[in-house]
PDB file of N, CA and C in Angstrom:
ATOM      1  N   MET A   1      94.125 110.393  98.449  1.00  0.00           N
ATOM      2  CA  MET A   1      93.211 110.087  99.363  1.00  0.00           C
ATOM      3  C   MET A   1      93.536 110.054 100.581  1.00  0.00           C
ATOM      4  N   LYS A   2      94.312 109.159 100.803  1.00  0.00           N
ATOM      5  CA  LYS A   2      94.668 108.934 102.280  1.00  0.00           C
ATOM      6  C   LYS A   2      94.713 110.109 103.131  1.00  0.00           C
ATOM      7  N   LYS A   3      95.621 111.452 102.168  1.00  0.00           N
ATOM      8  CA  LYS A   3      95.508 112.459 102.720  1.00  0.00           C
ATOM      9  C   LYS A   3      94.260 113.298 103.202  1.00  0.00           C
ATOM     10  N   LEU A   4      93.463 113.163 102.375  1.00  0.00           N
ATOM     11  CA  LEU A   4      92.007 113.924 102.411  1.00  0.00           C
ATOM     12  C   LEU A   4      91.283 112.962 103.495  1.00  0.00           C
ATOM     13  N   LEU A   5      91.527 111.714 103.602  1.00  0.00           N
ATOM     14  CA  LEU A   5      90.857 111.179 104.788  1.00  0.00           C
ATOM     15  C   LEU A   5      91.521 111.823 106.158  1.00  0.00           C
ATOM     16  N   ILE A   6      92.773 111.684 106.389  1.00  0.00           N
ATOM     17  CA  ILE A   6      93.232 112.019 107.530  1.00  0.00           C
ATOM     18  C   ILE A   6      92.900 113.525 107.951  1.00  0.00           C
ATOM     19  N   LEU A   7      92.826 114.308 106.488  1.00  0.00           N
ATOM     20  CA  LEU A   7      92.348 115.519 106.925  1.00  0.00           C
ATOM     21  C   LEU A   7      91.297 115.775 107.261  1.00  0.00           C
ATOM     22  N   LEU A   8      90.190 115.260 106.665  1.00  0.00           N
ATOM     23  CA  LEU A   8      88.868 115.250 107.149  1.00  0.00           C
ATOM     24  C   LEU A   8      88.784 114.852 108.481  1.00  0.00           C
ATOM     25  N   SER A   9      89.445 113.641 109.002  1.00  0.00           N
ATOM     26  CA  SER A   9      89.404 113.209 110.247  1.00  0.00           C
ATOM     27  C   SER A   9      89.829 114.095 111.342  1.00  0.00           C
ATOM     28  N   SER A  10      91.014 114.728 110.960  1.00  0.00           N
ATOM     29  CA  SER A  10      91.810 115.570 111.734  1.00  0.00           C
ATOM     30  C   SER A  10      90.677 117.087 112.020  1.00  0.00           C
ATOM     31  N   VAL A  11      90.407 117.335 110.877  1.00  0.00           N
ATOM     32  CA  VAL A  11      89.436 118.462 110.935  1.00  0.00           C
ATOM     33  C   VAL A  11      88.182 118.342 112.005  1.00  0.00           C
ATOM     34  N   PHE A  12      87.746 117.180 111.842  1.00  0.00           N
ATOM     35  CA  PHE A  12      86.457 116.929 112.535  1.00  0.00           C
ATOM     36  C   PHE A  12      87.146 116.549 113.903  1.00  0.00           C
ATOM     37  N   LEU A  13      88.007 116.097 114.374  1.00  0.00           N
ATOM     38  CA  LEU A  13      88.648 115.595 115.607  1.00  0.00           C
ATOM     39  C   LEU A  13      89.057 116.765 116.466  1.00  0.00           C
ATOM     40  N   PHE A  14      89.609 117.770 115.869  1.00  0.00           N
ATOM     41  CA  PHE A  14      90.394 118.870 116.464  1.00  0.00           C
ATOM     42  C   PHE A  14      89.678 120.268 115.925  1.00  0.00           C
ATOM     43  N   ALA A  15      88.508 120.480 115.318  1.00  0.00           N
ATOM     44  CA  ALA A  15      87.905 121.630 115.053  1.00  0.00           C
ATOM     45  C   ALA A  15      87.455 122.103 116.061  1.00  0.00           C
ATOM     46  N   ASN A  16      87.598 123.702 116.036  1.00  0.00           N
ATOM     47  CA  ASN A  16      87.068 124.820 117.004  1.00  0.00           C
ATOM     48  C   ASN A  16      86.365 125.751 116.186  1.00  0.00           C
ATOM     49  N   SER A  17      85.856 126.582 117.180  1.00  0.00           N
ATOM     50  CA  SER A  17      84.793 127.810 116.686  1.00  0.00           C
ATOM     51  C   SER A  17      85.589 128.653 115.563  1.00  0.00           C
ATOM     52  N   HIS A  18      87.018 128.593 115.480  1.00  0.00           N
ATOM     53  CA  HIS A  18      87.643 129.599 114.707  1.00  0.00           C
ATOM     54  C   HIS A  18      87.764 128.979 113.174  1.00  0.00           C
ATOM     55  N   MET A  19      87.339 127.923 112.892  1.00  0.00           N
ATOM     56  CA  MET A  19      87.273 127.409 111.898  1.00  0.00           C
ATOM     57  C   MET A  19      86.230 127.625 110.828  1.00  0.00           C
ATOM     58  N   THR A  20      86.138 128.224 109.660  1.00  0.00           N
ATOM     59  CA  THR A  20      85.111 128.573 108.920  1.00  0.00           C
ATOM     60  C   THR A  20      84.710 127.991 107.629  1.00  0.00           C
ATOM     61  N   THR A  21      83.914 128.103 107.237  1.00  0.00           N
ATOM     62  CA  THR A  21      83.539 127.811 105.595  1.00  0.00           C
ATOM     63  C   THR A  21      82.255 128.443 105.146  1.00  0.00           C
ATOM     64  N   ASN A  22      81.926 128.465 103.945  1.00  0.00           N
ATOM     65  CA  ASN A  22      80.442 128.696 103.561  1.00  0.00           C
ATOM     66  C   ASN A  22      79.812 127.674 103.473  1.00  0.00           C
ATOM     67  N   ASP A  23      80.222 126.597 103.534  1.00  0.00           N
ATOM     68  CA  ASP A  23      79.254 125.405 103.381  1.00  0.00           C
ATOM     69  C   ASP A  23      78.610 125.167 104.850  1.00  0.00           C
ATOM     70  N   LYS A  24      77.296 125.404 104.928  1.00  0.00           N
ATOM     71  CA  LYS A  24      76.811 125.312 106.409  1.00  0.00           C
ATOM     72  C   LYS A  24      76.750 124.132 106.833  1.00  0.00           C
ATOM     73  N   ALA A  25      76.578 123.060 106.329  1.00  0.00           N
ATOM     74  CA  ALA A  25      76.418 121.920 106.973  1.00  0.00           C
ATOM     75  C   ALA A  25      78.259 121.212 107.348  1.00  0.00           C
ATOM     76  N   LEU A  26      79.132 121.713 106.633  1.00  0.00           N
ATOM     77  CA  LEU A  26      80.473 121.274 106.830  1.00  0.00           C
ATOM     78  C   LEU A  26      80.971 122.017 107.946  1.00  0.00           C
ATOM     79  N   GLN A  27      80.197 123.406 107.828  1.00  0.00           N
ATOM     80  CA  GLN A  27      80.603 124.593 109.270  1.00  0.00           C
ATOM     81  C   GLN A  27      79.861 123.473 110.886  1.00  0.00           C
ATOM     82  N   GLU A  28      78.829 123.263 110.847  1.00  0.00           N
ATOM     83  CA  GLU A  28      78.153 122.490 111.522  1.00  0.00           C
ATOM     84  C   GLU A  28      79.201 121.152 112.175  1.00  0.00           C
ATOM     85  N   ALA A  29      79.799 120.244 111.151  1.00  0.00           N
ATOM     86  CA  ALA A  29      80.474 119.379 111.261  1.00  0.00           C
ATOM     87  C   ALA A  29      81.665 119.881 111.869  1.00  0.00           C
ATOM     88  N   LEU A  30      82.402 120.870 111.693  1.00  0.00           N
ATOM     89  CA  LEU A  30      83.509 121.643 111.883  1.00  0.00           C
ATOM     90  C   LEU A  30      83.346 121.894 113.864  1.00  0.00           C
ATOM     91  N   ASN A  31      82.140 122.296 113.819  1.00  0.00           N
ATOM     92  CA  ASN A  31      81.911 122.632 114.960  1.00  0.00           C
ATOM     93  C   ASN A  31      81.383 121.479 116.198  1.00  0.00           C
ATOM     94  N   GLY A  32      81.366 120.582 115.608  1.00  0.00           N
ATOM     95  CA  GLY A  32      81.187 119.278 116.192  1.00  0.00           C
ATOM     96  C   GLY A  32      79.543 118.791 116.386  1.00  0.00           C
ATOM     97  N   ASN A  33      78.731 119.604 115.511  1.00  0.00           N
ATOM     98  CA  ASN A  33      77.260 118.932 115.572  1.00  0.00           C
ATOM     99  C   ASN A  33      77.265 118.108 114.439  1.00  0.00           C
ATOM    100  N   TYR A  34      77.571 117.083 114.620  1.00  0.00           N
ATOM    101  CA  TYR A  34      77.758 116.016 113.703  1.00  0.00           C
ATOM    102  C   TYR A  34      76.284 115.819 113.002  1.00  0.00           C
ATOM    103  N   LYS A  35      75.280 115.164 114.065  1.00  0.00           N
ATOM    104  CA  LYS A  35      74.156 114.857 113.787  1.00  0.00           C
ATOM    105  C   LYS A  35      73.273 115.744 112.771  1.00  0.00           C
ATOM    106  N   LYS A  36      73.766 117.069 113.318  1.00  0.00           N
ATOM    107  CA  LYS A  36      73.012 117.920 112.594  1.00  0.00           C
ATOM    108  C   LYS A  36      73.402 118.458 110.933  1.00  0.00           C
ATOM    109  N   ALA A  37      74.796 117.898 110.913  1.00  0.00           N
ATOM    110  CA  ALA A  37      75.433 118.218 109.736  1.00  0.00           C
ATOM    111  C   ALA A  37      75.129 116.983 109.061  1.00  0.00           C
ATOM    112  N   PHE A  38      75.256 115.962 109.332  1.00  0.00           N
ATOM    113  CA  PHE A  38      74.742 114.649 108.711  1.00  0.00           C
ATOM    114  C   PHE A  38      73.214 115.012 108.191  1.00  0.00           C
ATOM    115  N   SER A  39      72.346 115.311 108.980  1.00  0.00           N
ATOM    116  CA  SER A  39      71.216 115.780 108.429  1.00  0.00           C
ATOM    117  C   SER A  39      71.079 116.775 107.117  1.00  0.00           C
ATOM    118  N   MET A  40      71.585 117.704 107.262  1.00  0.00           N
ATOM    119  CA  MET A  40      71.813 118.713 106.505  1.00  0.00           C
ATOM    120  C   MET A  40      72.274 118.276 105.114  1.00  0.00           C
ATOM    121  N   PHE A  41      73.267 117.244 105.288  1.00  0.00           N
ATOM    122  CA  PHE A  41      73.677 116.839 104.126  1.00  0.00           C
ATOM    123  C   PHE A  41      73.226 115.817 103.486  1.00  0.00           C
ATOM    124  N   GLU A  42      72.430 115.136 104.337  1.00  0.00           N
ATOM    125  CA  GLU A  42      71.412 114.172 103.814  1.00  0.00           C
ATOM    126  C   GLU A  42      70.302 114.560 103.117  1.00  0.00           C
ATOM    127  N   LYS A  43      69.946 115.605 103.454  1.00  0.00           N
ATOM    128  CA  LYS A  43      68.851 116.611 102.711  1.00  0.00           C
ATOM    129  C   LYS A  43      69.457 116.844 101.409  1.00  0.00           C
ATOM    130  N   ARG A  44      70.446 117.640 101.184  1.00  0.00           N
ATOM    131  CA  ARG A  44      71.132 117.893  99.975  1.00  0.00           C
ATOM    132  C   ARG A  44      71.267 116.505  99.220  1.00  0.00           C
ATOM    133  N   CYS A  45      71.570 115.411  99.570  1.00  0.00           N
ATOM    134  CA  CYS A  45      72.047 114.360  98.761  1.00  0.00           C
ATOM    135  C   CYS A  45      70.499 114.162  98.138  1.00  0.00           C
ATOM    136  N   LYS A  46      69.391 114.066  98.781  1.00  0.00           N
ATOM    137  CA  LYS A  46      67.907 113.997  98.293  1.00  0.00           C
ATOM    138  C   LYS A  46      67.851 114.622  97.083  1.00  0.00           C
ATOM    139  N   LYS A  47      68.529 115.809  96.950  1.00  0.00           N
ATOM    140  CA  LYS A  47      68.370 116.746  96.032  1.00  0.00           C
ATOM    141  C   LYS A  47      69.157 116.503  94.794  1.00  0.00           C
ATOM    142  N   ASN A  48      69.948 115.513  94.971  1.00  0.00           N
ATOM    143  CA  ASN A  48      71.071 115.276  94.085  1.00  0.00           C
ATOM    144  C   ASN A  48      72.438 115.810  94.178  1.00  0.00           C
ATOM    145  N   GLU A  49      72.730 116.547  95.235  1.00  0.00           N
ATOM    146  CA  GLU A  49      73.823 117.076  95.239  1.00  0.00           C
ATOM    147  C   GLU A  49      75.290 116.105  95.400  1.00  0.00           C
ATOM    148  N   GLY A  50      75.746 115.717  94.315  1.00  0.00           N
ATOM    149  CA  GLY A  50      76.933 114.896  94.699  1.00  0.00           C
ATOM    150  C   GLY A  50      77.746 114.908  96.058  1.00  0.00           C
ATOM    151  N   TYR A  51      78.538 115.833  95.983  1.00  0.00           N
ATOM    152  CA  TYR A  51      79.212 116.231  97.161  1.00  0.00           C
ATOM    153  C   TYR A  51      78.675 115.759  98.664  1.00  0.00           C
ATOM    154  N   ALA A  52      77.432 116.020  98.690  1.00  0.00           N
ATOM    155  CA  ALA A  52      76.589 116.069 100.048  1.00  0.00           C
ATOM    156  C   ALA A  52      76.531 114.440 100.228  1.00  0.00           C
ATOM    157  N   CYS A  53      76.087 113.948  98.992  1.00  0.00           N
ATOM    158  CA  CYS A  53      75.940 112.120  99.044  1.00  0.00           C
ATOM    159  C   CYS A  53      77.281 111.558  99.560  1.00  0.00           C
ATOM    160  N   GLY A  54      78.397 112.189  99.008  1.00  0.00           N
ATOM    161  CA  GLY A  54      79.676 111.439  99.175  1.00  0.00           C
ATOM    162  C   GLY A  54      79.988 111.793 100.709  1.00  0.00           C
ATOM    163  N   MET A  55      79.651 113.279 101.464  1.00  0.00           N
ATOM    164  CA  MET A  55      79.888 113.220 102.634  1.00  0.00           C
ATOM    165  C   MET A  55      79.031 112.160 103.563  1.00  0.00           C
ATOM    166  N   VAL A  56      77.709 111.975 103.263  1.00  0.00           N
ATOM    167  CA  VAL A  56      76.807 111.169 103.729  1.00  0.00           C
ATOM    168  C   VAL A  56      77.362 109.941 104.218  1.00  0.00           C
ATOM    169  N   GLY A  57      78.280 109.308 102.735  1.00  0.00           N
ATOM    170  CA  GLY A  57      78.788 107.815 103.025  1.00  0.00           C
ATOM    171  C   GLY A  57      80.023 108.213 104.028  1.00  0.00           C
ATOM    172  N   TYR A  58      80.684 109.369 103.753  1.00  0.00           N
ATOM    173  CA  TYR A  58      81.796 109.550 104.598  1.00  0.00           C
ATOM    174  C   TYR A  58      81.342 109.539 106.009  1.00  0.00           C
ATOM    175  N   PHE A  59      80.365 109.951 106.618  1.00  0.00           N
ATOM    176  CA  PHE A  59      79.905 109.929 108.006  1.00  0.00           C
ATOM    177  C   PHE A  59      79.389 108.511 108.436  1.00  0.00           C
ATOM    178  N   TYR A  60      78.922 108.054 107.298  1.00  0.00           N
ATOM    179  CA  TYR A  60      78.318 106.615 107.439  1.00  0.00           C
ATOM    180  C   TYR A  60      79.678 105.596 107.967  1.00  0.00           C
ATOM    181  N   ASP A  61      80.748 106.017 106.820  1.00  0.00           N
ATOM    182  CA  ASP A  61      82.076 105.218 106.824  1.00  0.00           C
ATOM    183  C   ASP A  61      82.667 105.466 108.306  1.00  0.00           C
ATOM    184  N   LYS A  62      82.417 106.473 108.663  1.00  0.00           N
ATOM    185  CA  LYS A  62      83.655 106.905 110.091  1.00  0.00           C
ATOM    186  C   LYS A  62      82.761 106.959 111.095  1.00  0.00           C
ATOM    187  N   GLY A  63      81.223 106.927 111.296  1.00  0.00           N
ATOM    188  CA  GLY A  63      80.525 106.889 112.289  1.00  0.00           C
ATOM    189  C   GLY A  63      80.676 108.404 113.020  1.00  0.00           C
ATOM    190  N   PHE A  64      80.509 109.423 112.394  1.00  0.00           N
ATOM    191  CA  PHE A  64      80.494 110.749 112.527  1.00  0.00           C
ATOM    192  C   PHE A  64      78.672 111.034 112.897  1.00  0.00           C
ATOM    193  N   GLY A  65      78.322 111.160 114.038  1.00  0.00           N
ATOM    194  CA  GLY A  65      77.163 111.329 114.525  1.00  0.00           C
ATOM    195  C   GLY A  65      76.167 110.283 114.234  1.00  0.00           C
ATOM    196  N   ILE A  66      76.451 109.262 113.791  1.00  0.00           N
ATOM    197  CA  ILE A  66      75.527 108.159 113.458  1.00  0.00           C
ATOM    198  C   ILE A  66      76.542 106.661 113.705  1.00  0.00           C
ATOM    199  N   GLU A  67      75.428 105.817 113.614  1.00  0.00           N
ATOM    200  CA  GLU A  67      76.391 104.520 113.700  1.00  0.00           C
ATOM    201  C   GLU A  67      76.880 104.114 112.563  1.00  0.00           C
ATOM    202  N   LYS A  68      78.030 103.605 112.665  1.00  0.00           N
ATOM    203  CA  LYS A  68      79.036 103.057 111.351  1.00  0.00           C
ATOM    204  C   LYS A  68      78.373 102.129 110.667  1.00  0.00           C
ATOM    205  N   ASN A  69      78.204 102.376 109.119  1.00  0.00           N
ATOM    206  CA  ASN A  69      77.721 101.365 108.390  1.00  0.00           C
ATOM    207  C   ASN A  69      78.354 101.404 107.041  1.00  0.00           C
ATOM    208  N   HIS A  70      79.470 100.425 106.827  1.00  0.00           N
ATOM    209  CA  HIS A  70      79.994 100.280 105.652  1.00  0.00           C
ATOM    210  C   HIS A  70      79.160 100.283 104.513  1.00  0.00           C
ATOM    211  N   GLN A  71      78.340  99.364 104.590  1.00  0.00           N
ATOM    212  CA  GLN A  71      77.543  98.956 103.577  1.00  0.00           C
ATOM    213  C   GLN A  71      76.503 100.634 102.920  1.00  0.00           C
ATOM    214  N   LYS A  72      75.938 101.249 103.956  1.00  0.00           N
ATOM    215  CA  LYS A  72      75.682 102.600 103.445  1.00  0.00           C
ATOM    216  C   LYS A  72      76.364 103.685 103.061  1.00  0.00           C
ATOM    217  N   ALA A  73      77.775 103.485 103.680  1.00  0.00           N
ATOM    218  CA  ALA A  73      78.788 104.430 103.103  1.00  0.00           C
ATOM    219  C   ALA A  73      78.822 104.071 101.554  1.00  0.00           C
ATOM    220  N   ILE A  74      78.905 102.686 101.420  1.00  0.00           N
ATOM    221  CA  ILE A  74      79.248 102.431  99.829  1.00  0.00           C
ATOM    222  C   ILE A  74      77.954 102.845  98.811  1.00  0.00           C
ATOM    223  N   THR A  75      76.980 102.689  99.217  1.00  0.00           N
ATOM    224  CA  THR A  75      75.943 103.121  98.617  1.00  0.00           C
ATOM    225  C   THR A  75      75.691 104.552  98.236  1.00  0.00           C
ATOM    226  N   TYR A  76      76.161 105.562  99.354  1.00  0.00           N
ATOM    227  CA  TYR A  76      76.202 107.025  98.985  1.00  0.00           C
ATOM    228  C   TYR A  76      77.474 107.217  98.230  1.00  0.00           C
ATOM    229  N   TYR A  77      78.361 106.707  98.620  1.00  0.00           N
ATOM    230  CA  TYR A  77      79.591 106.702  97.512  1.00  0.00           C
ATOM    231  C   TYR A  77      79.427 106.367  96.216  1.00  0.00           C
ATOM    232  N   LYS A  78      78.441 105.507  96.087  1.00  0.00           N
ATOM    233  CA  LYS A  78      78.146 105.412  94.753  1.00  0.00           C
ATOM    234  C   LYS A  78      76.930 106.398  94.088  1.00  0.00           C
ATOM    235  N   LYS A  79      76.423 106.671  95.156  1.00  0.00           N
ATOM    236  CA  LYS A  79      75.373 107.993  94.279  1.00  0.00           C
ATOM    237  C   LYS A  79      76.261 109.205  94.187  1.00  0.00           C
ATOM    238  N   GLY A  80      77.062 109.692  95.073  1.00  0.00           N
ATOM    239  CA  GLY A  80      77.973 110.434  94.759  1.00  0.00           C
ATOM    240  C   GLY A  80      78.516 110.702  93.444  1.00  0.00           C
ATOM    241  N   CYS A  81      79.312 109.414  93.019  1.00  0.00           N
ATOM    242  CA  CYS A  81      80.163 109.100  91.920  1.00  0.00           C
ATOM    243  C   CYS A  81      79.262 109.049  90.796  1.00  0.00           C
ATOM    244  N   ASN A  82      78.194 108.836  90.944  1.00  0.00           N
ATOM    245  CA  ASN A  82      77.111 108.907  89.794  1.00  0.00           C
ATOM    246  C   ASN A  82      76.908 110.338  89.419  1.00  0.00           C
ATOM    247  N   LEU A  83      76.800 111.047  90.438  1.00  0.00           N
ATOM    248  CA  LEU A  83      76.511 112.712  90.372  1.00  0.00           C
ATOM    249  C   LEU A  83      77.856 113.467  90.136  1.00  0.00           C
ATOM    250  N   ASN A  84      78.867 112.880  89.647  1.00  0.00           N
ATOM    251  CA  ASN A  84      80.261 113.379  89.352  1.00  0.00           C
ATOM    252  C   ASN A  84      80.927 114.084  90.759  1.00  0.00           C
ATOM    253  N   ASP A  85      80.838 113.192  91.561  1.00  0.00           N
ATOM    254  CA  ASP A  85      81.919 113.716  92.867  1.00  0.00           C
ATOM    255  C   ASP A  85      83.098 113.223  92.607  1.00  0.00           C
ATOM    256  N   ALA A  86      84.069 113.780  92.478  1.00  0.00           N
ATOM    257  CA  ALA A  86      85.501 113.012  92.273  1.00  0.00           C
ATOM    258  C   ALA A  86      85.644 112.555  93.474  1.00  0.00           C
ATOM    259  N   ASP A  87      85.724 113.022  94.661  1.00  0.00           N
ATOM    260  CA  ASP A  87      85.859 112.685  95.808  1.00  0.00           C
ATOM    261  C   ASP A  87      85.211 111.279  96.467  1.00  0.00           C
ATOM    262  N   SER A  88      83.958 111.095  95.857  1.00  0.00           N
ATOM    263  CA  SER A  88      83.052 109.734  95.988  1.00  0.00           C
ATOM    264  C   SER A  88      83.758 108.610  95.143  1.00  0.00           C
ATOM    265  N   CYS A  89      84.124 109.121  93.798  1.00  0.00           N
ATOM    266  CA  CYS A  89      84.737 108.116  92.887  1.00  0.00           C
ATOM    267  C   CYS A  89      85.734 107.666  93.143  1.00  0.00           C
ATOM    268  N   THR A  90      86.640 108.446  94.075  1.00  0.00           N
ATOM    269  CA  THR A  90      87.857 108.009  94.802  1.00  0.00           C
ATOM    270  C   THR A  90      87.776 106.765  95.724  1.00  0.00           C
ATOM    271  N   LEU A  91      87.040 106.928  96.833  1.00  0.00           N
ATOM    272  CA  LEU A  91      86.697 106.334  97.772  1.00  0.00           C
ATOM    273  C   LEU A  91      86.170 105.135  97.381  1.00  0.00           C
ATOM    274  N   LEU A  92      85.272 105.253  96.095  1.00  0.00           N
ATOM    275  CA  LEU A  92      84.674 103.961  95.669  1.00  0.00           C
ATOM    276  C   LEU A  92      85.812 103.359  94.761  1.00  0.00           C
ATOM    277  N   GLY A  93      86.643 103.888  94.443  1.00  0.00           N
ATOM    278  CA  GLY A  93      87.568 103.073  93.615  1.00  0.00           C
ATOM    279  C   GLY A  93      88.591 102.665  94.448  1.00  0.00           C
ATOM    280  N   TYR A  94      89.024 103.177  95.664  1.00  0.00           N
ATOM    281  CA  TYR A  94      89.927 102.514  96.646  1.00  0.00           C
ATOM    282  C   TYR A  94      89.319 101.223  97.307  1.00  0.00           C
ATOM    283  N   GLU A  95      87.695 101.479  97.302  1.00  0.00           N
ATOM    284  CA  GLU A  95      87.232 100.322  97.892  1.00  0.00           C
ATOM    285  C   GLU A  95      86.710  99.011  97.291  1.00  0.00           C
ATOM    286  N   PHE A  96      86.999  99.175  95.809  1.00  0.00           N
ATOM    287  CA  PHE A  96      86.923  98.102  94.696  1.00  0.00           C
ATOM    288  C   PHE A  96      88.777  97.530  94.964  1.00  0.00           C
ATOM    289  N   TYR A  97      89.587  98.465  94.706  1.00  0.00           N
ATOM    290  CA  TYR A  97      90.834  97.870  94.739  1.00  0.00           C
ATOM    291  C   TYR A  97      91.019  97.235  96.134  1.00  0.00           C
ATOM    292  N   LYS A  98      90.655  97.306  97.141  1.00  0.00           N
ATOM    293  CA  LYS A  98      90.491  96.698  98.607  1.00  0.00           C
ATOM    294  C   LYS A  98      90.022  95.016  98.363  1.00  0.00           C
ATOM    295  N   ASN A  99      88.940  95.375  97.515  1.00  0.00           N
ATOM    296  CA  ASN A  99      88.478  93.915  97.416  1.00  0.00           C
ATOM    297  C   ASN A  99      88.676  93.250  96.162  1.00  0.00           C
ATOM    298  N   GLY A 100      89.769  93.754  95.223  1.00  0.00           N
ATOM    299  CA  GLY A 100      90.470  92.896  94.485  1.00  0.00           C
ATOM    300  C   GLY A 100      89.868  93.067  93.099  1.00  0.00           C
ATOM    301  N   ASN A 101      89.202  93.813  92.919  1.00  0.00           N
ATOM    302  CA  ASN A 101      88.767  94.360  91.523  1.00  0.00           C
ATOM    303  C   ASN A 101      89.438  95.231  91.140  1.00  0.00           C
ATOM    304  N   LEU A 102      90.559  95.028  90.340  1.00  0.00           N
ATOM    305  CA  LEU A 102      91.264  96.582  89.758  1.00  0.00           C
ATOM    306  C   LEU A 102      90.820  96.966  88.847  1.00  0.00           C
ATOM    307  N   LYS A 103      90.001  96.108  87.575  1.00  0.00           N
ATOM    308  CA  LYS A 103      89.271  96.882  86.700  1.00  0.00           C
ATOM    309  C   LYS A 103      88.228  97.949  87.098  1.00  0.00           C
ATOM    310  N   LYS A 104      87.398  97.776  87.952  1.00  0.00           N
ATOM    311  CA  LYS A 104      86.787  98.575  88.373  1.00  0.00           C
ATOM    312  C   LYS A 104      87.222  99.716  89.196  1.00  0.00           C
ATOM    313  N   ALA A 105      88.344  99.356  89.836  1.00  0.00           N
ATOM    314  CA  ALA A 105      88.942 100.537  90.699  1.00  0.00           C
ATOM    315  C   ALA A 105      89.682 101.278  89.840  1.00  0.00           C
ATOM    316  N   LYS A 106      90.202 100.885  88.808  1.00  0.00           N
ATOM    317  CA  LYS A 106      91.009 101.709  87.882  1.00  0.00           C
ATOM    318  C   LYS A 106      89.881 102.814  87.043  1.00  0.00           C
ATOM    319  N   GLU A 107      88.864 102.162  86.724  1.00  0.00           N
ATOM    320  CA  GLU A 107      87.547 103.013  85.988  1.00  0.00           C
ATOM    321  C   GLU A 107      87.223 104.068  86.927  1.00  0.00           C
ATOM    322  N   LEU A 108      87.138 103.721  88.315  1.00  0.00           N
ATOM    323  CA  LEU A 108      86.601 104.842  89.023  1.00  0.00           C
ATOM    324  C   LEU A 108      87.428 105.688  89.501  1.00  0.00           C
ATOM    325  N   LEU A 109      88.776 105.227  89.804  1.00  0.00           N
ATOM    326  CA  LEU A 109      89.735 106.017  90.072  1.00  0.00           C
ATOM    327  C   LEU A 109      90.483 107.048  88.688  1.00  0.00           C
ATOM    328  N   ASN A 110      89.917 106.457  87.647  1.00  0.00           N
ATOM    329  CA  ASN A 110      90.174 107.276  86.442  1.00  0.00           C
ATOM    330  C   ASN A 110      89.198 108.303  86.274  1.00  0.00           C
ATOM    331  N   LYS A 111      88.084 107.946  86.381  1.00  0.00           N
ATOM    332  CA  LYS A 111      86.639 109.099  86.451  1.00  0.00           C
ATOM    333  C   LYS A 111      87.050 110.359  87.504  1.00  0.00           C
ATOM    334  N   ALA A 112      87.598 109.824  88.412  1.00  0.00           N
ATOM    335  CA  ALA A 112      87.629 110.593  89.682  1.00  0.00           C
ATOM    336  C   ALA A 112      88.913 111.752  89.180  1.00  0.00           C
ATOM    337  N   CYS A 113      89.804 111.129  88.653  1.00  0.00           N
ATOM    338  CA  CYS A 113      91.015 111.863  88.093  1.00  0.00           C
ATOM    339  C   CYS A 113      90.468 112.958  87.159  1.00  0.00           C
ATOM    340  N   LYS A 114      89.898 112.356  85.999  1.00  0.00           N
ATOM    341  CA  LYS A 114      89.048 113.371  85.188  1.00  0.00           C
ATOM    342  C   LYS A 114      88.328 114.556  85.893  1.00  0.00           C
ATOM    343  N   LEU A 115      87.919 114.270  86.809  1.00  0.00           N
ATOM    344  CA  LEU A 115      86.823 115.208  87.680  1.00  0.00           C
ATOM    345  C   LEU A 115      87.601 115.986  88.331  1.00  0.00           C
ATOM    346  N   GLY A 116      89.301 115.532  88.578  1.00  0.00           N
ATOM    347  CA  GLY A 116      90.005 116.745  89.359  1.00  0.00           C
ATOM    348  C   GLY A 116      90.445 116.610  90.550  1.00  0.00           C
ATOM    349  N   ASN A 117      90.328 115.104  90.727  1.00  0.00           N
ATOM    350  CA  ASN A 117      91.033 114.630  92.211  1.00  0.00           C
ATOM    351  C   ASN A 117      92.232 114.054  92.078  1.00  0.00           C
ATOM    352  N   LYS A 118      93.324 114.811  92.557  1.00  0.00           N
ATOM    353  CA  LYS A 118      94.918 114.568  92.288  1.00  0.00           C
ATOM    354  C   LYS A 118      95.117 113.537  92.985  1.00  0.00           C
ATOM    355  N   ASP A 119      94.623 112.958  94.194  1.00  0.00           N
ATOM    356  CA  ASP A 119      95.072 111.680  94.567  1.00  0.00           C
ATOM    357  C   ASP A 119      94.608 110.708  93.955  1.00  0.00           C
ATOM    358  N   ALA A 120      93.540 110.492  93.223  1.00  0.00           N
ATOM    359  CA  ALA A 120      93.087 109.697  92.589  1.00  0.00           C
ATOM    360  C   ALA A 120      93.851 109.171  91.226  1.00  0.00           C
ATOM    361  N   CYS A 121      94.626 110.494  90.676  1.00  0.00           N
ATOM    362  CA  CYS A 121      95.279 110.257  89.705  1.00  0.00           C
ATOM    363  C   CYS A 121      96.860 109.792  90.119  1.00  0.00           C
ATOM    364  N   ASN A 122      97.402 110.072  91.235  1.00  0.00           N
ATOM    365  CA  ASN A 122      98.544 109.851  91.733  1.00  0.00           C
ATOM    366  C   ASN A 122      98.176 108.104  91.931  1.00  0.00           C
ATOM    367  N   TYR A 123      97.567 107.791  92.753  1.00  0.00           N
ATOM    368  CA  TYR A 123      97.082 106.488  92.776  1.00  0.00           C
ATOM    369  C   TYR A 123      96.735 105.384  91.898  1.00  0.00           C
ATOM    370  N   LEU A 124      96.155 105.923  90.678  1.00  0.00           N
ATOM    371  CA  LEU A 124      96.111 105.398  89.531  1.00  0.00           C
ATOM    372  C   LEU A 124      97.357 104.938  89.009  1.00  0.00           C
ATOM    373  N   LYS A 125      98.201 106.114  88.914  1.00  0.00           N
ATOM    374  CA  LYS A 125      99.610 105.715  88.185  1.00  0.00           C
ATOM    375  C   LYS A 125     100.267 104.490  89.241  1.00  0.00           C
ATOM    376  N   LYS A 126     100.198 104.660  90.343  1.00  0.00           N
ATOM    377  CA  LYS A 126     100.649 103.419  91.332  1.00  0.00           C
ATOM    378  C   LYS A 126     100.335 101.987  90.784  1.00  0.00           C
ATOM    379  N   ILE A 127      98.793 101.954  90.440  1.00  0.00           N
ATOM    380  CA  ILE A 127      98.405 100.812  90.596  1.00  0.00           C
ATOM    381  C   ILE A 127      98.233 100.129  88.854  1.00  0.00           C
ATOM    382  N   GLN A 128      98.692 101.144  87.806  1.00  0.00           N
ATOM    383  CA  GLN A 128      98.819 100.773  86.310  1.00  0.00           C
ATOM    384  C   GLN A 128      99.719  99.792  86.119  1.00  0.00           C
TER     385      GLN A 128
END
C-alpha cells in the first residue's frame, strides 16, 4: 500500500496534461484541479461509490485541495471499506495497525486482500 500512496502522491505532484484516465474526477486531479476533483469524488461518494469515498478520504489525509483532516479521512475510508473498496480497507487496516489494534488491522487487511488488493495481502503476511 505504501507503493500505492507513493504512486498517487507522485502522480498528483508531477502530473501533466499528457496523463489521461477515463475517470473524470481523477483526470481533474491529474491536471492539478484538486478542488474540482474533490467535489466530483464527494458527489460520487454520496451516491455510495466506494472508490470515490476512498479518494475523498485520501484527499483529506493528504490535504489535496482541502485542509488536511485525518479524522474525516478515516470516516471516508470506513465508508469506502463498507462499500467494498479494497484500497479504503487497506488504508484503514494500516491505520488500525499503527494504533496497535492488530486484530482489527488483520480483519481489514484480510477483507482488502479478498477484494484484490495485493499490497494488503503482502502486508497481512508480514504481520501474521
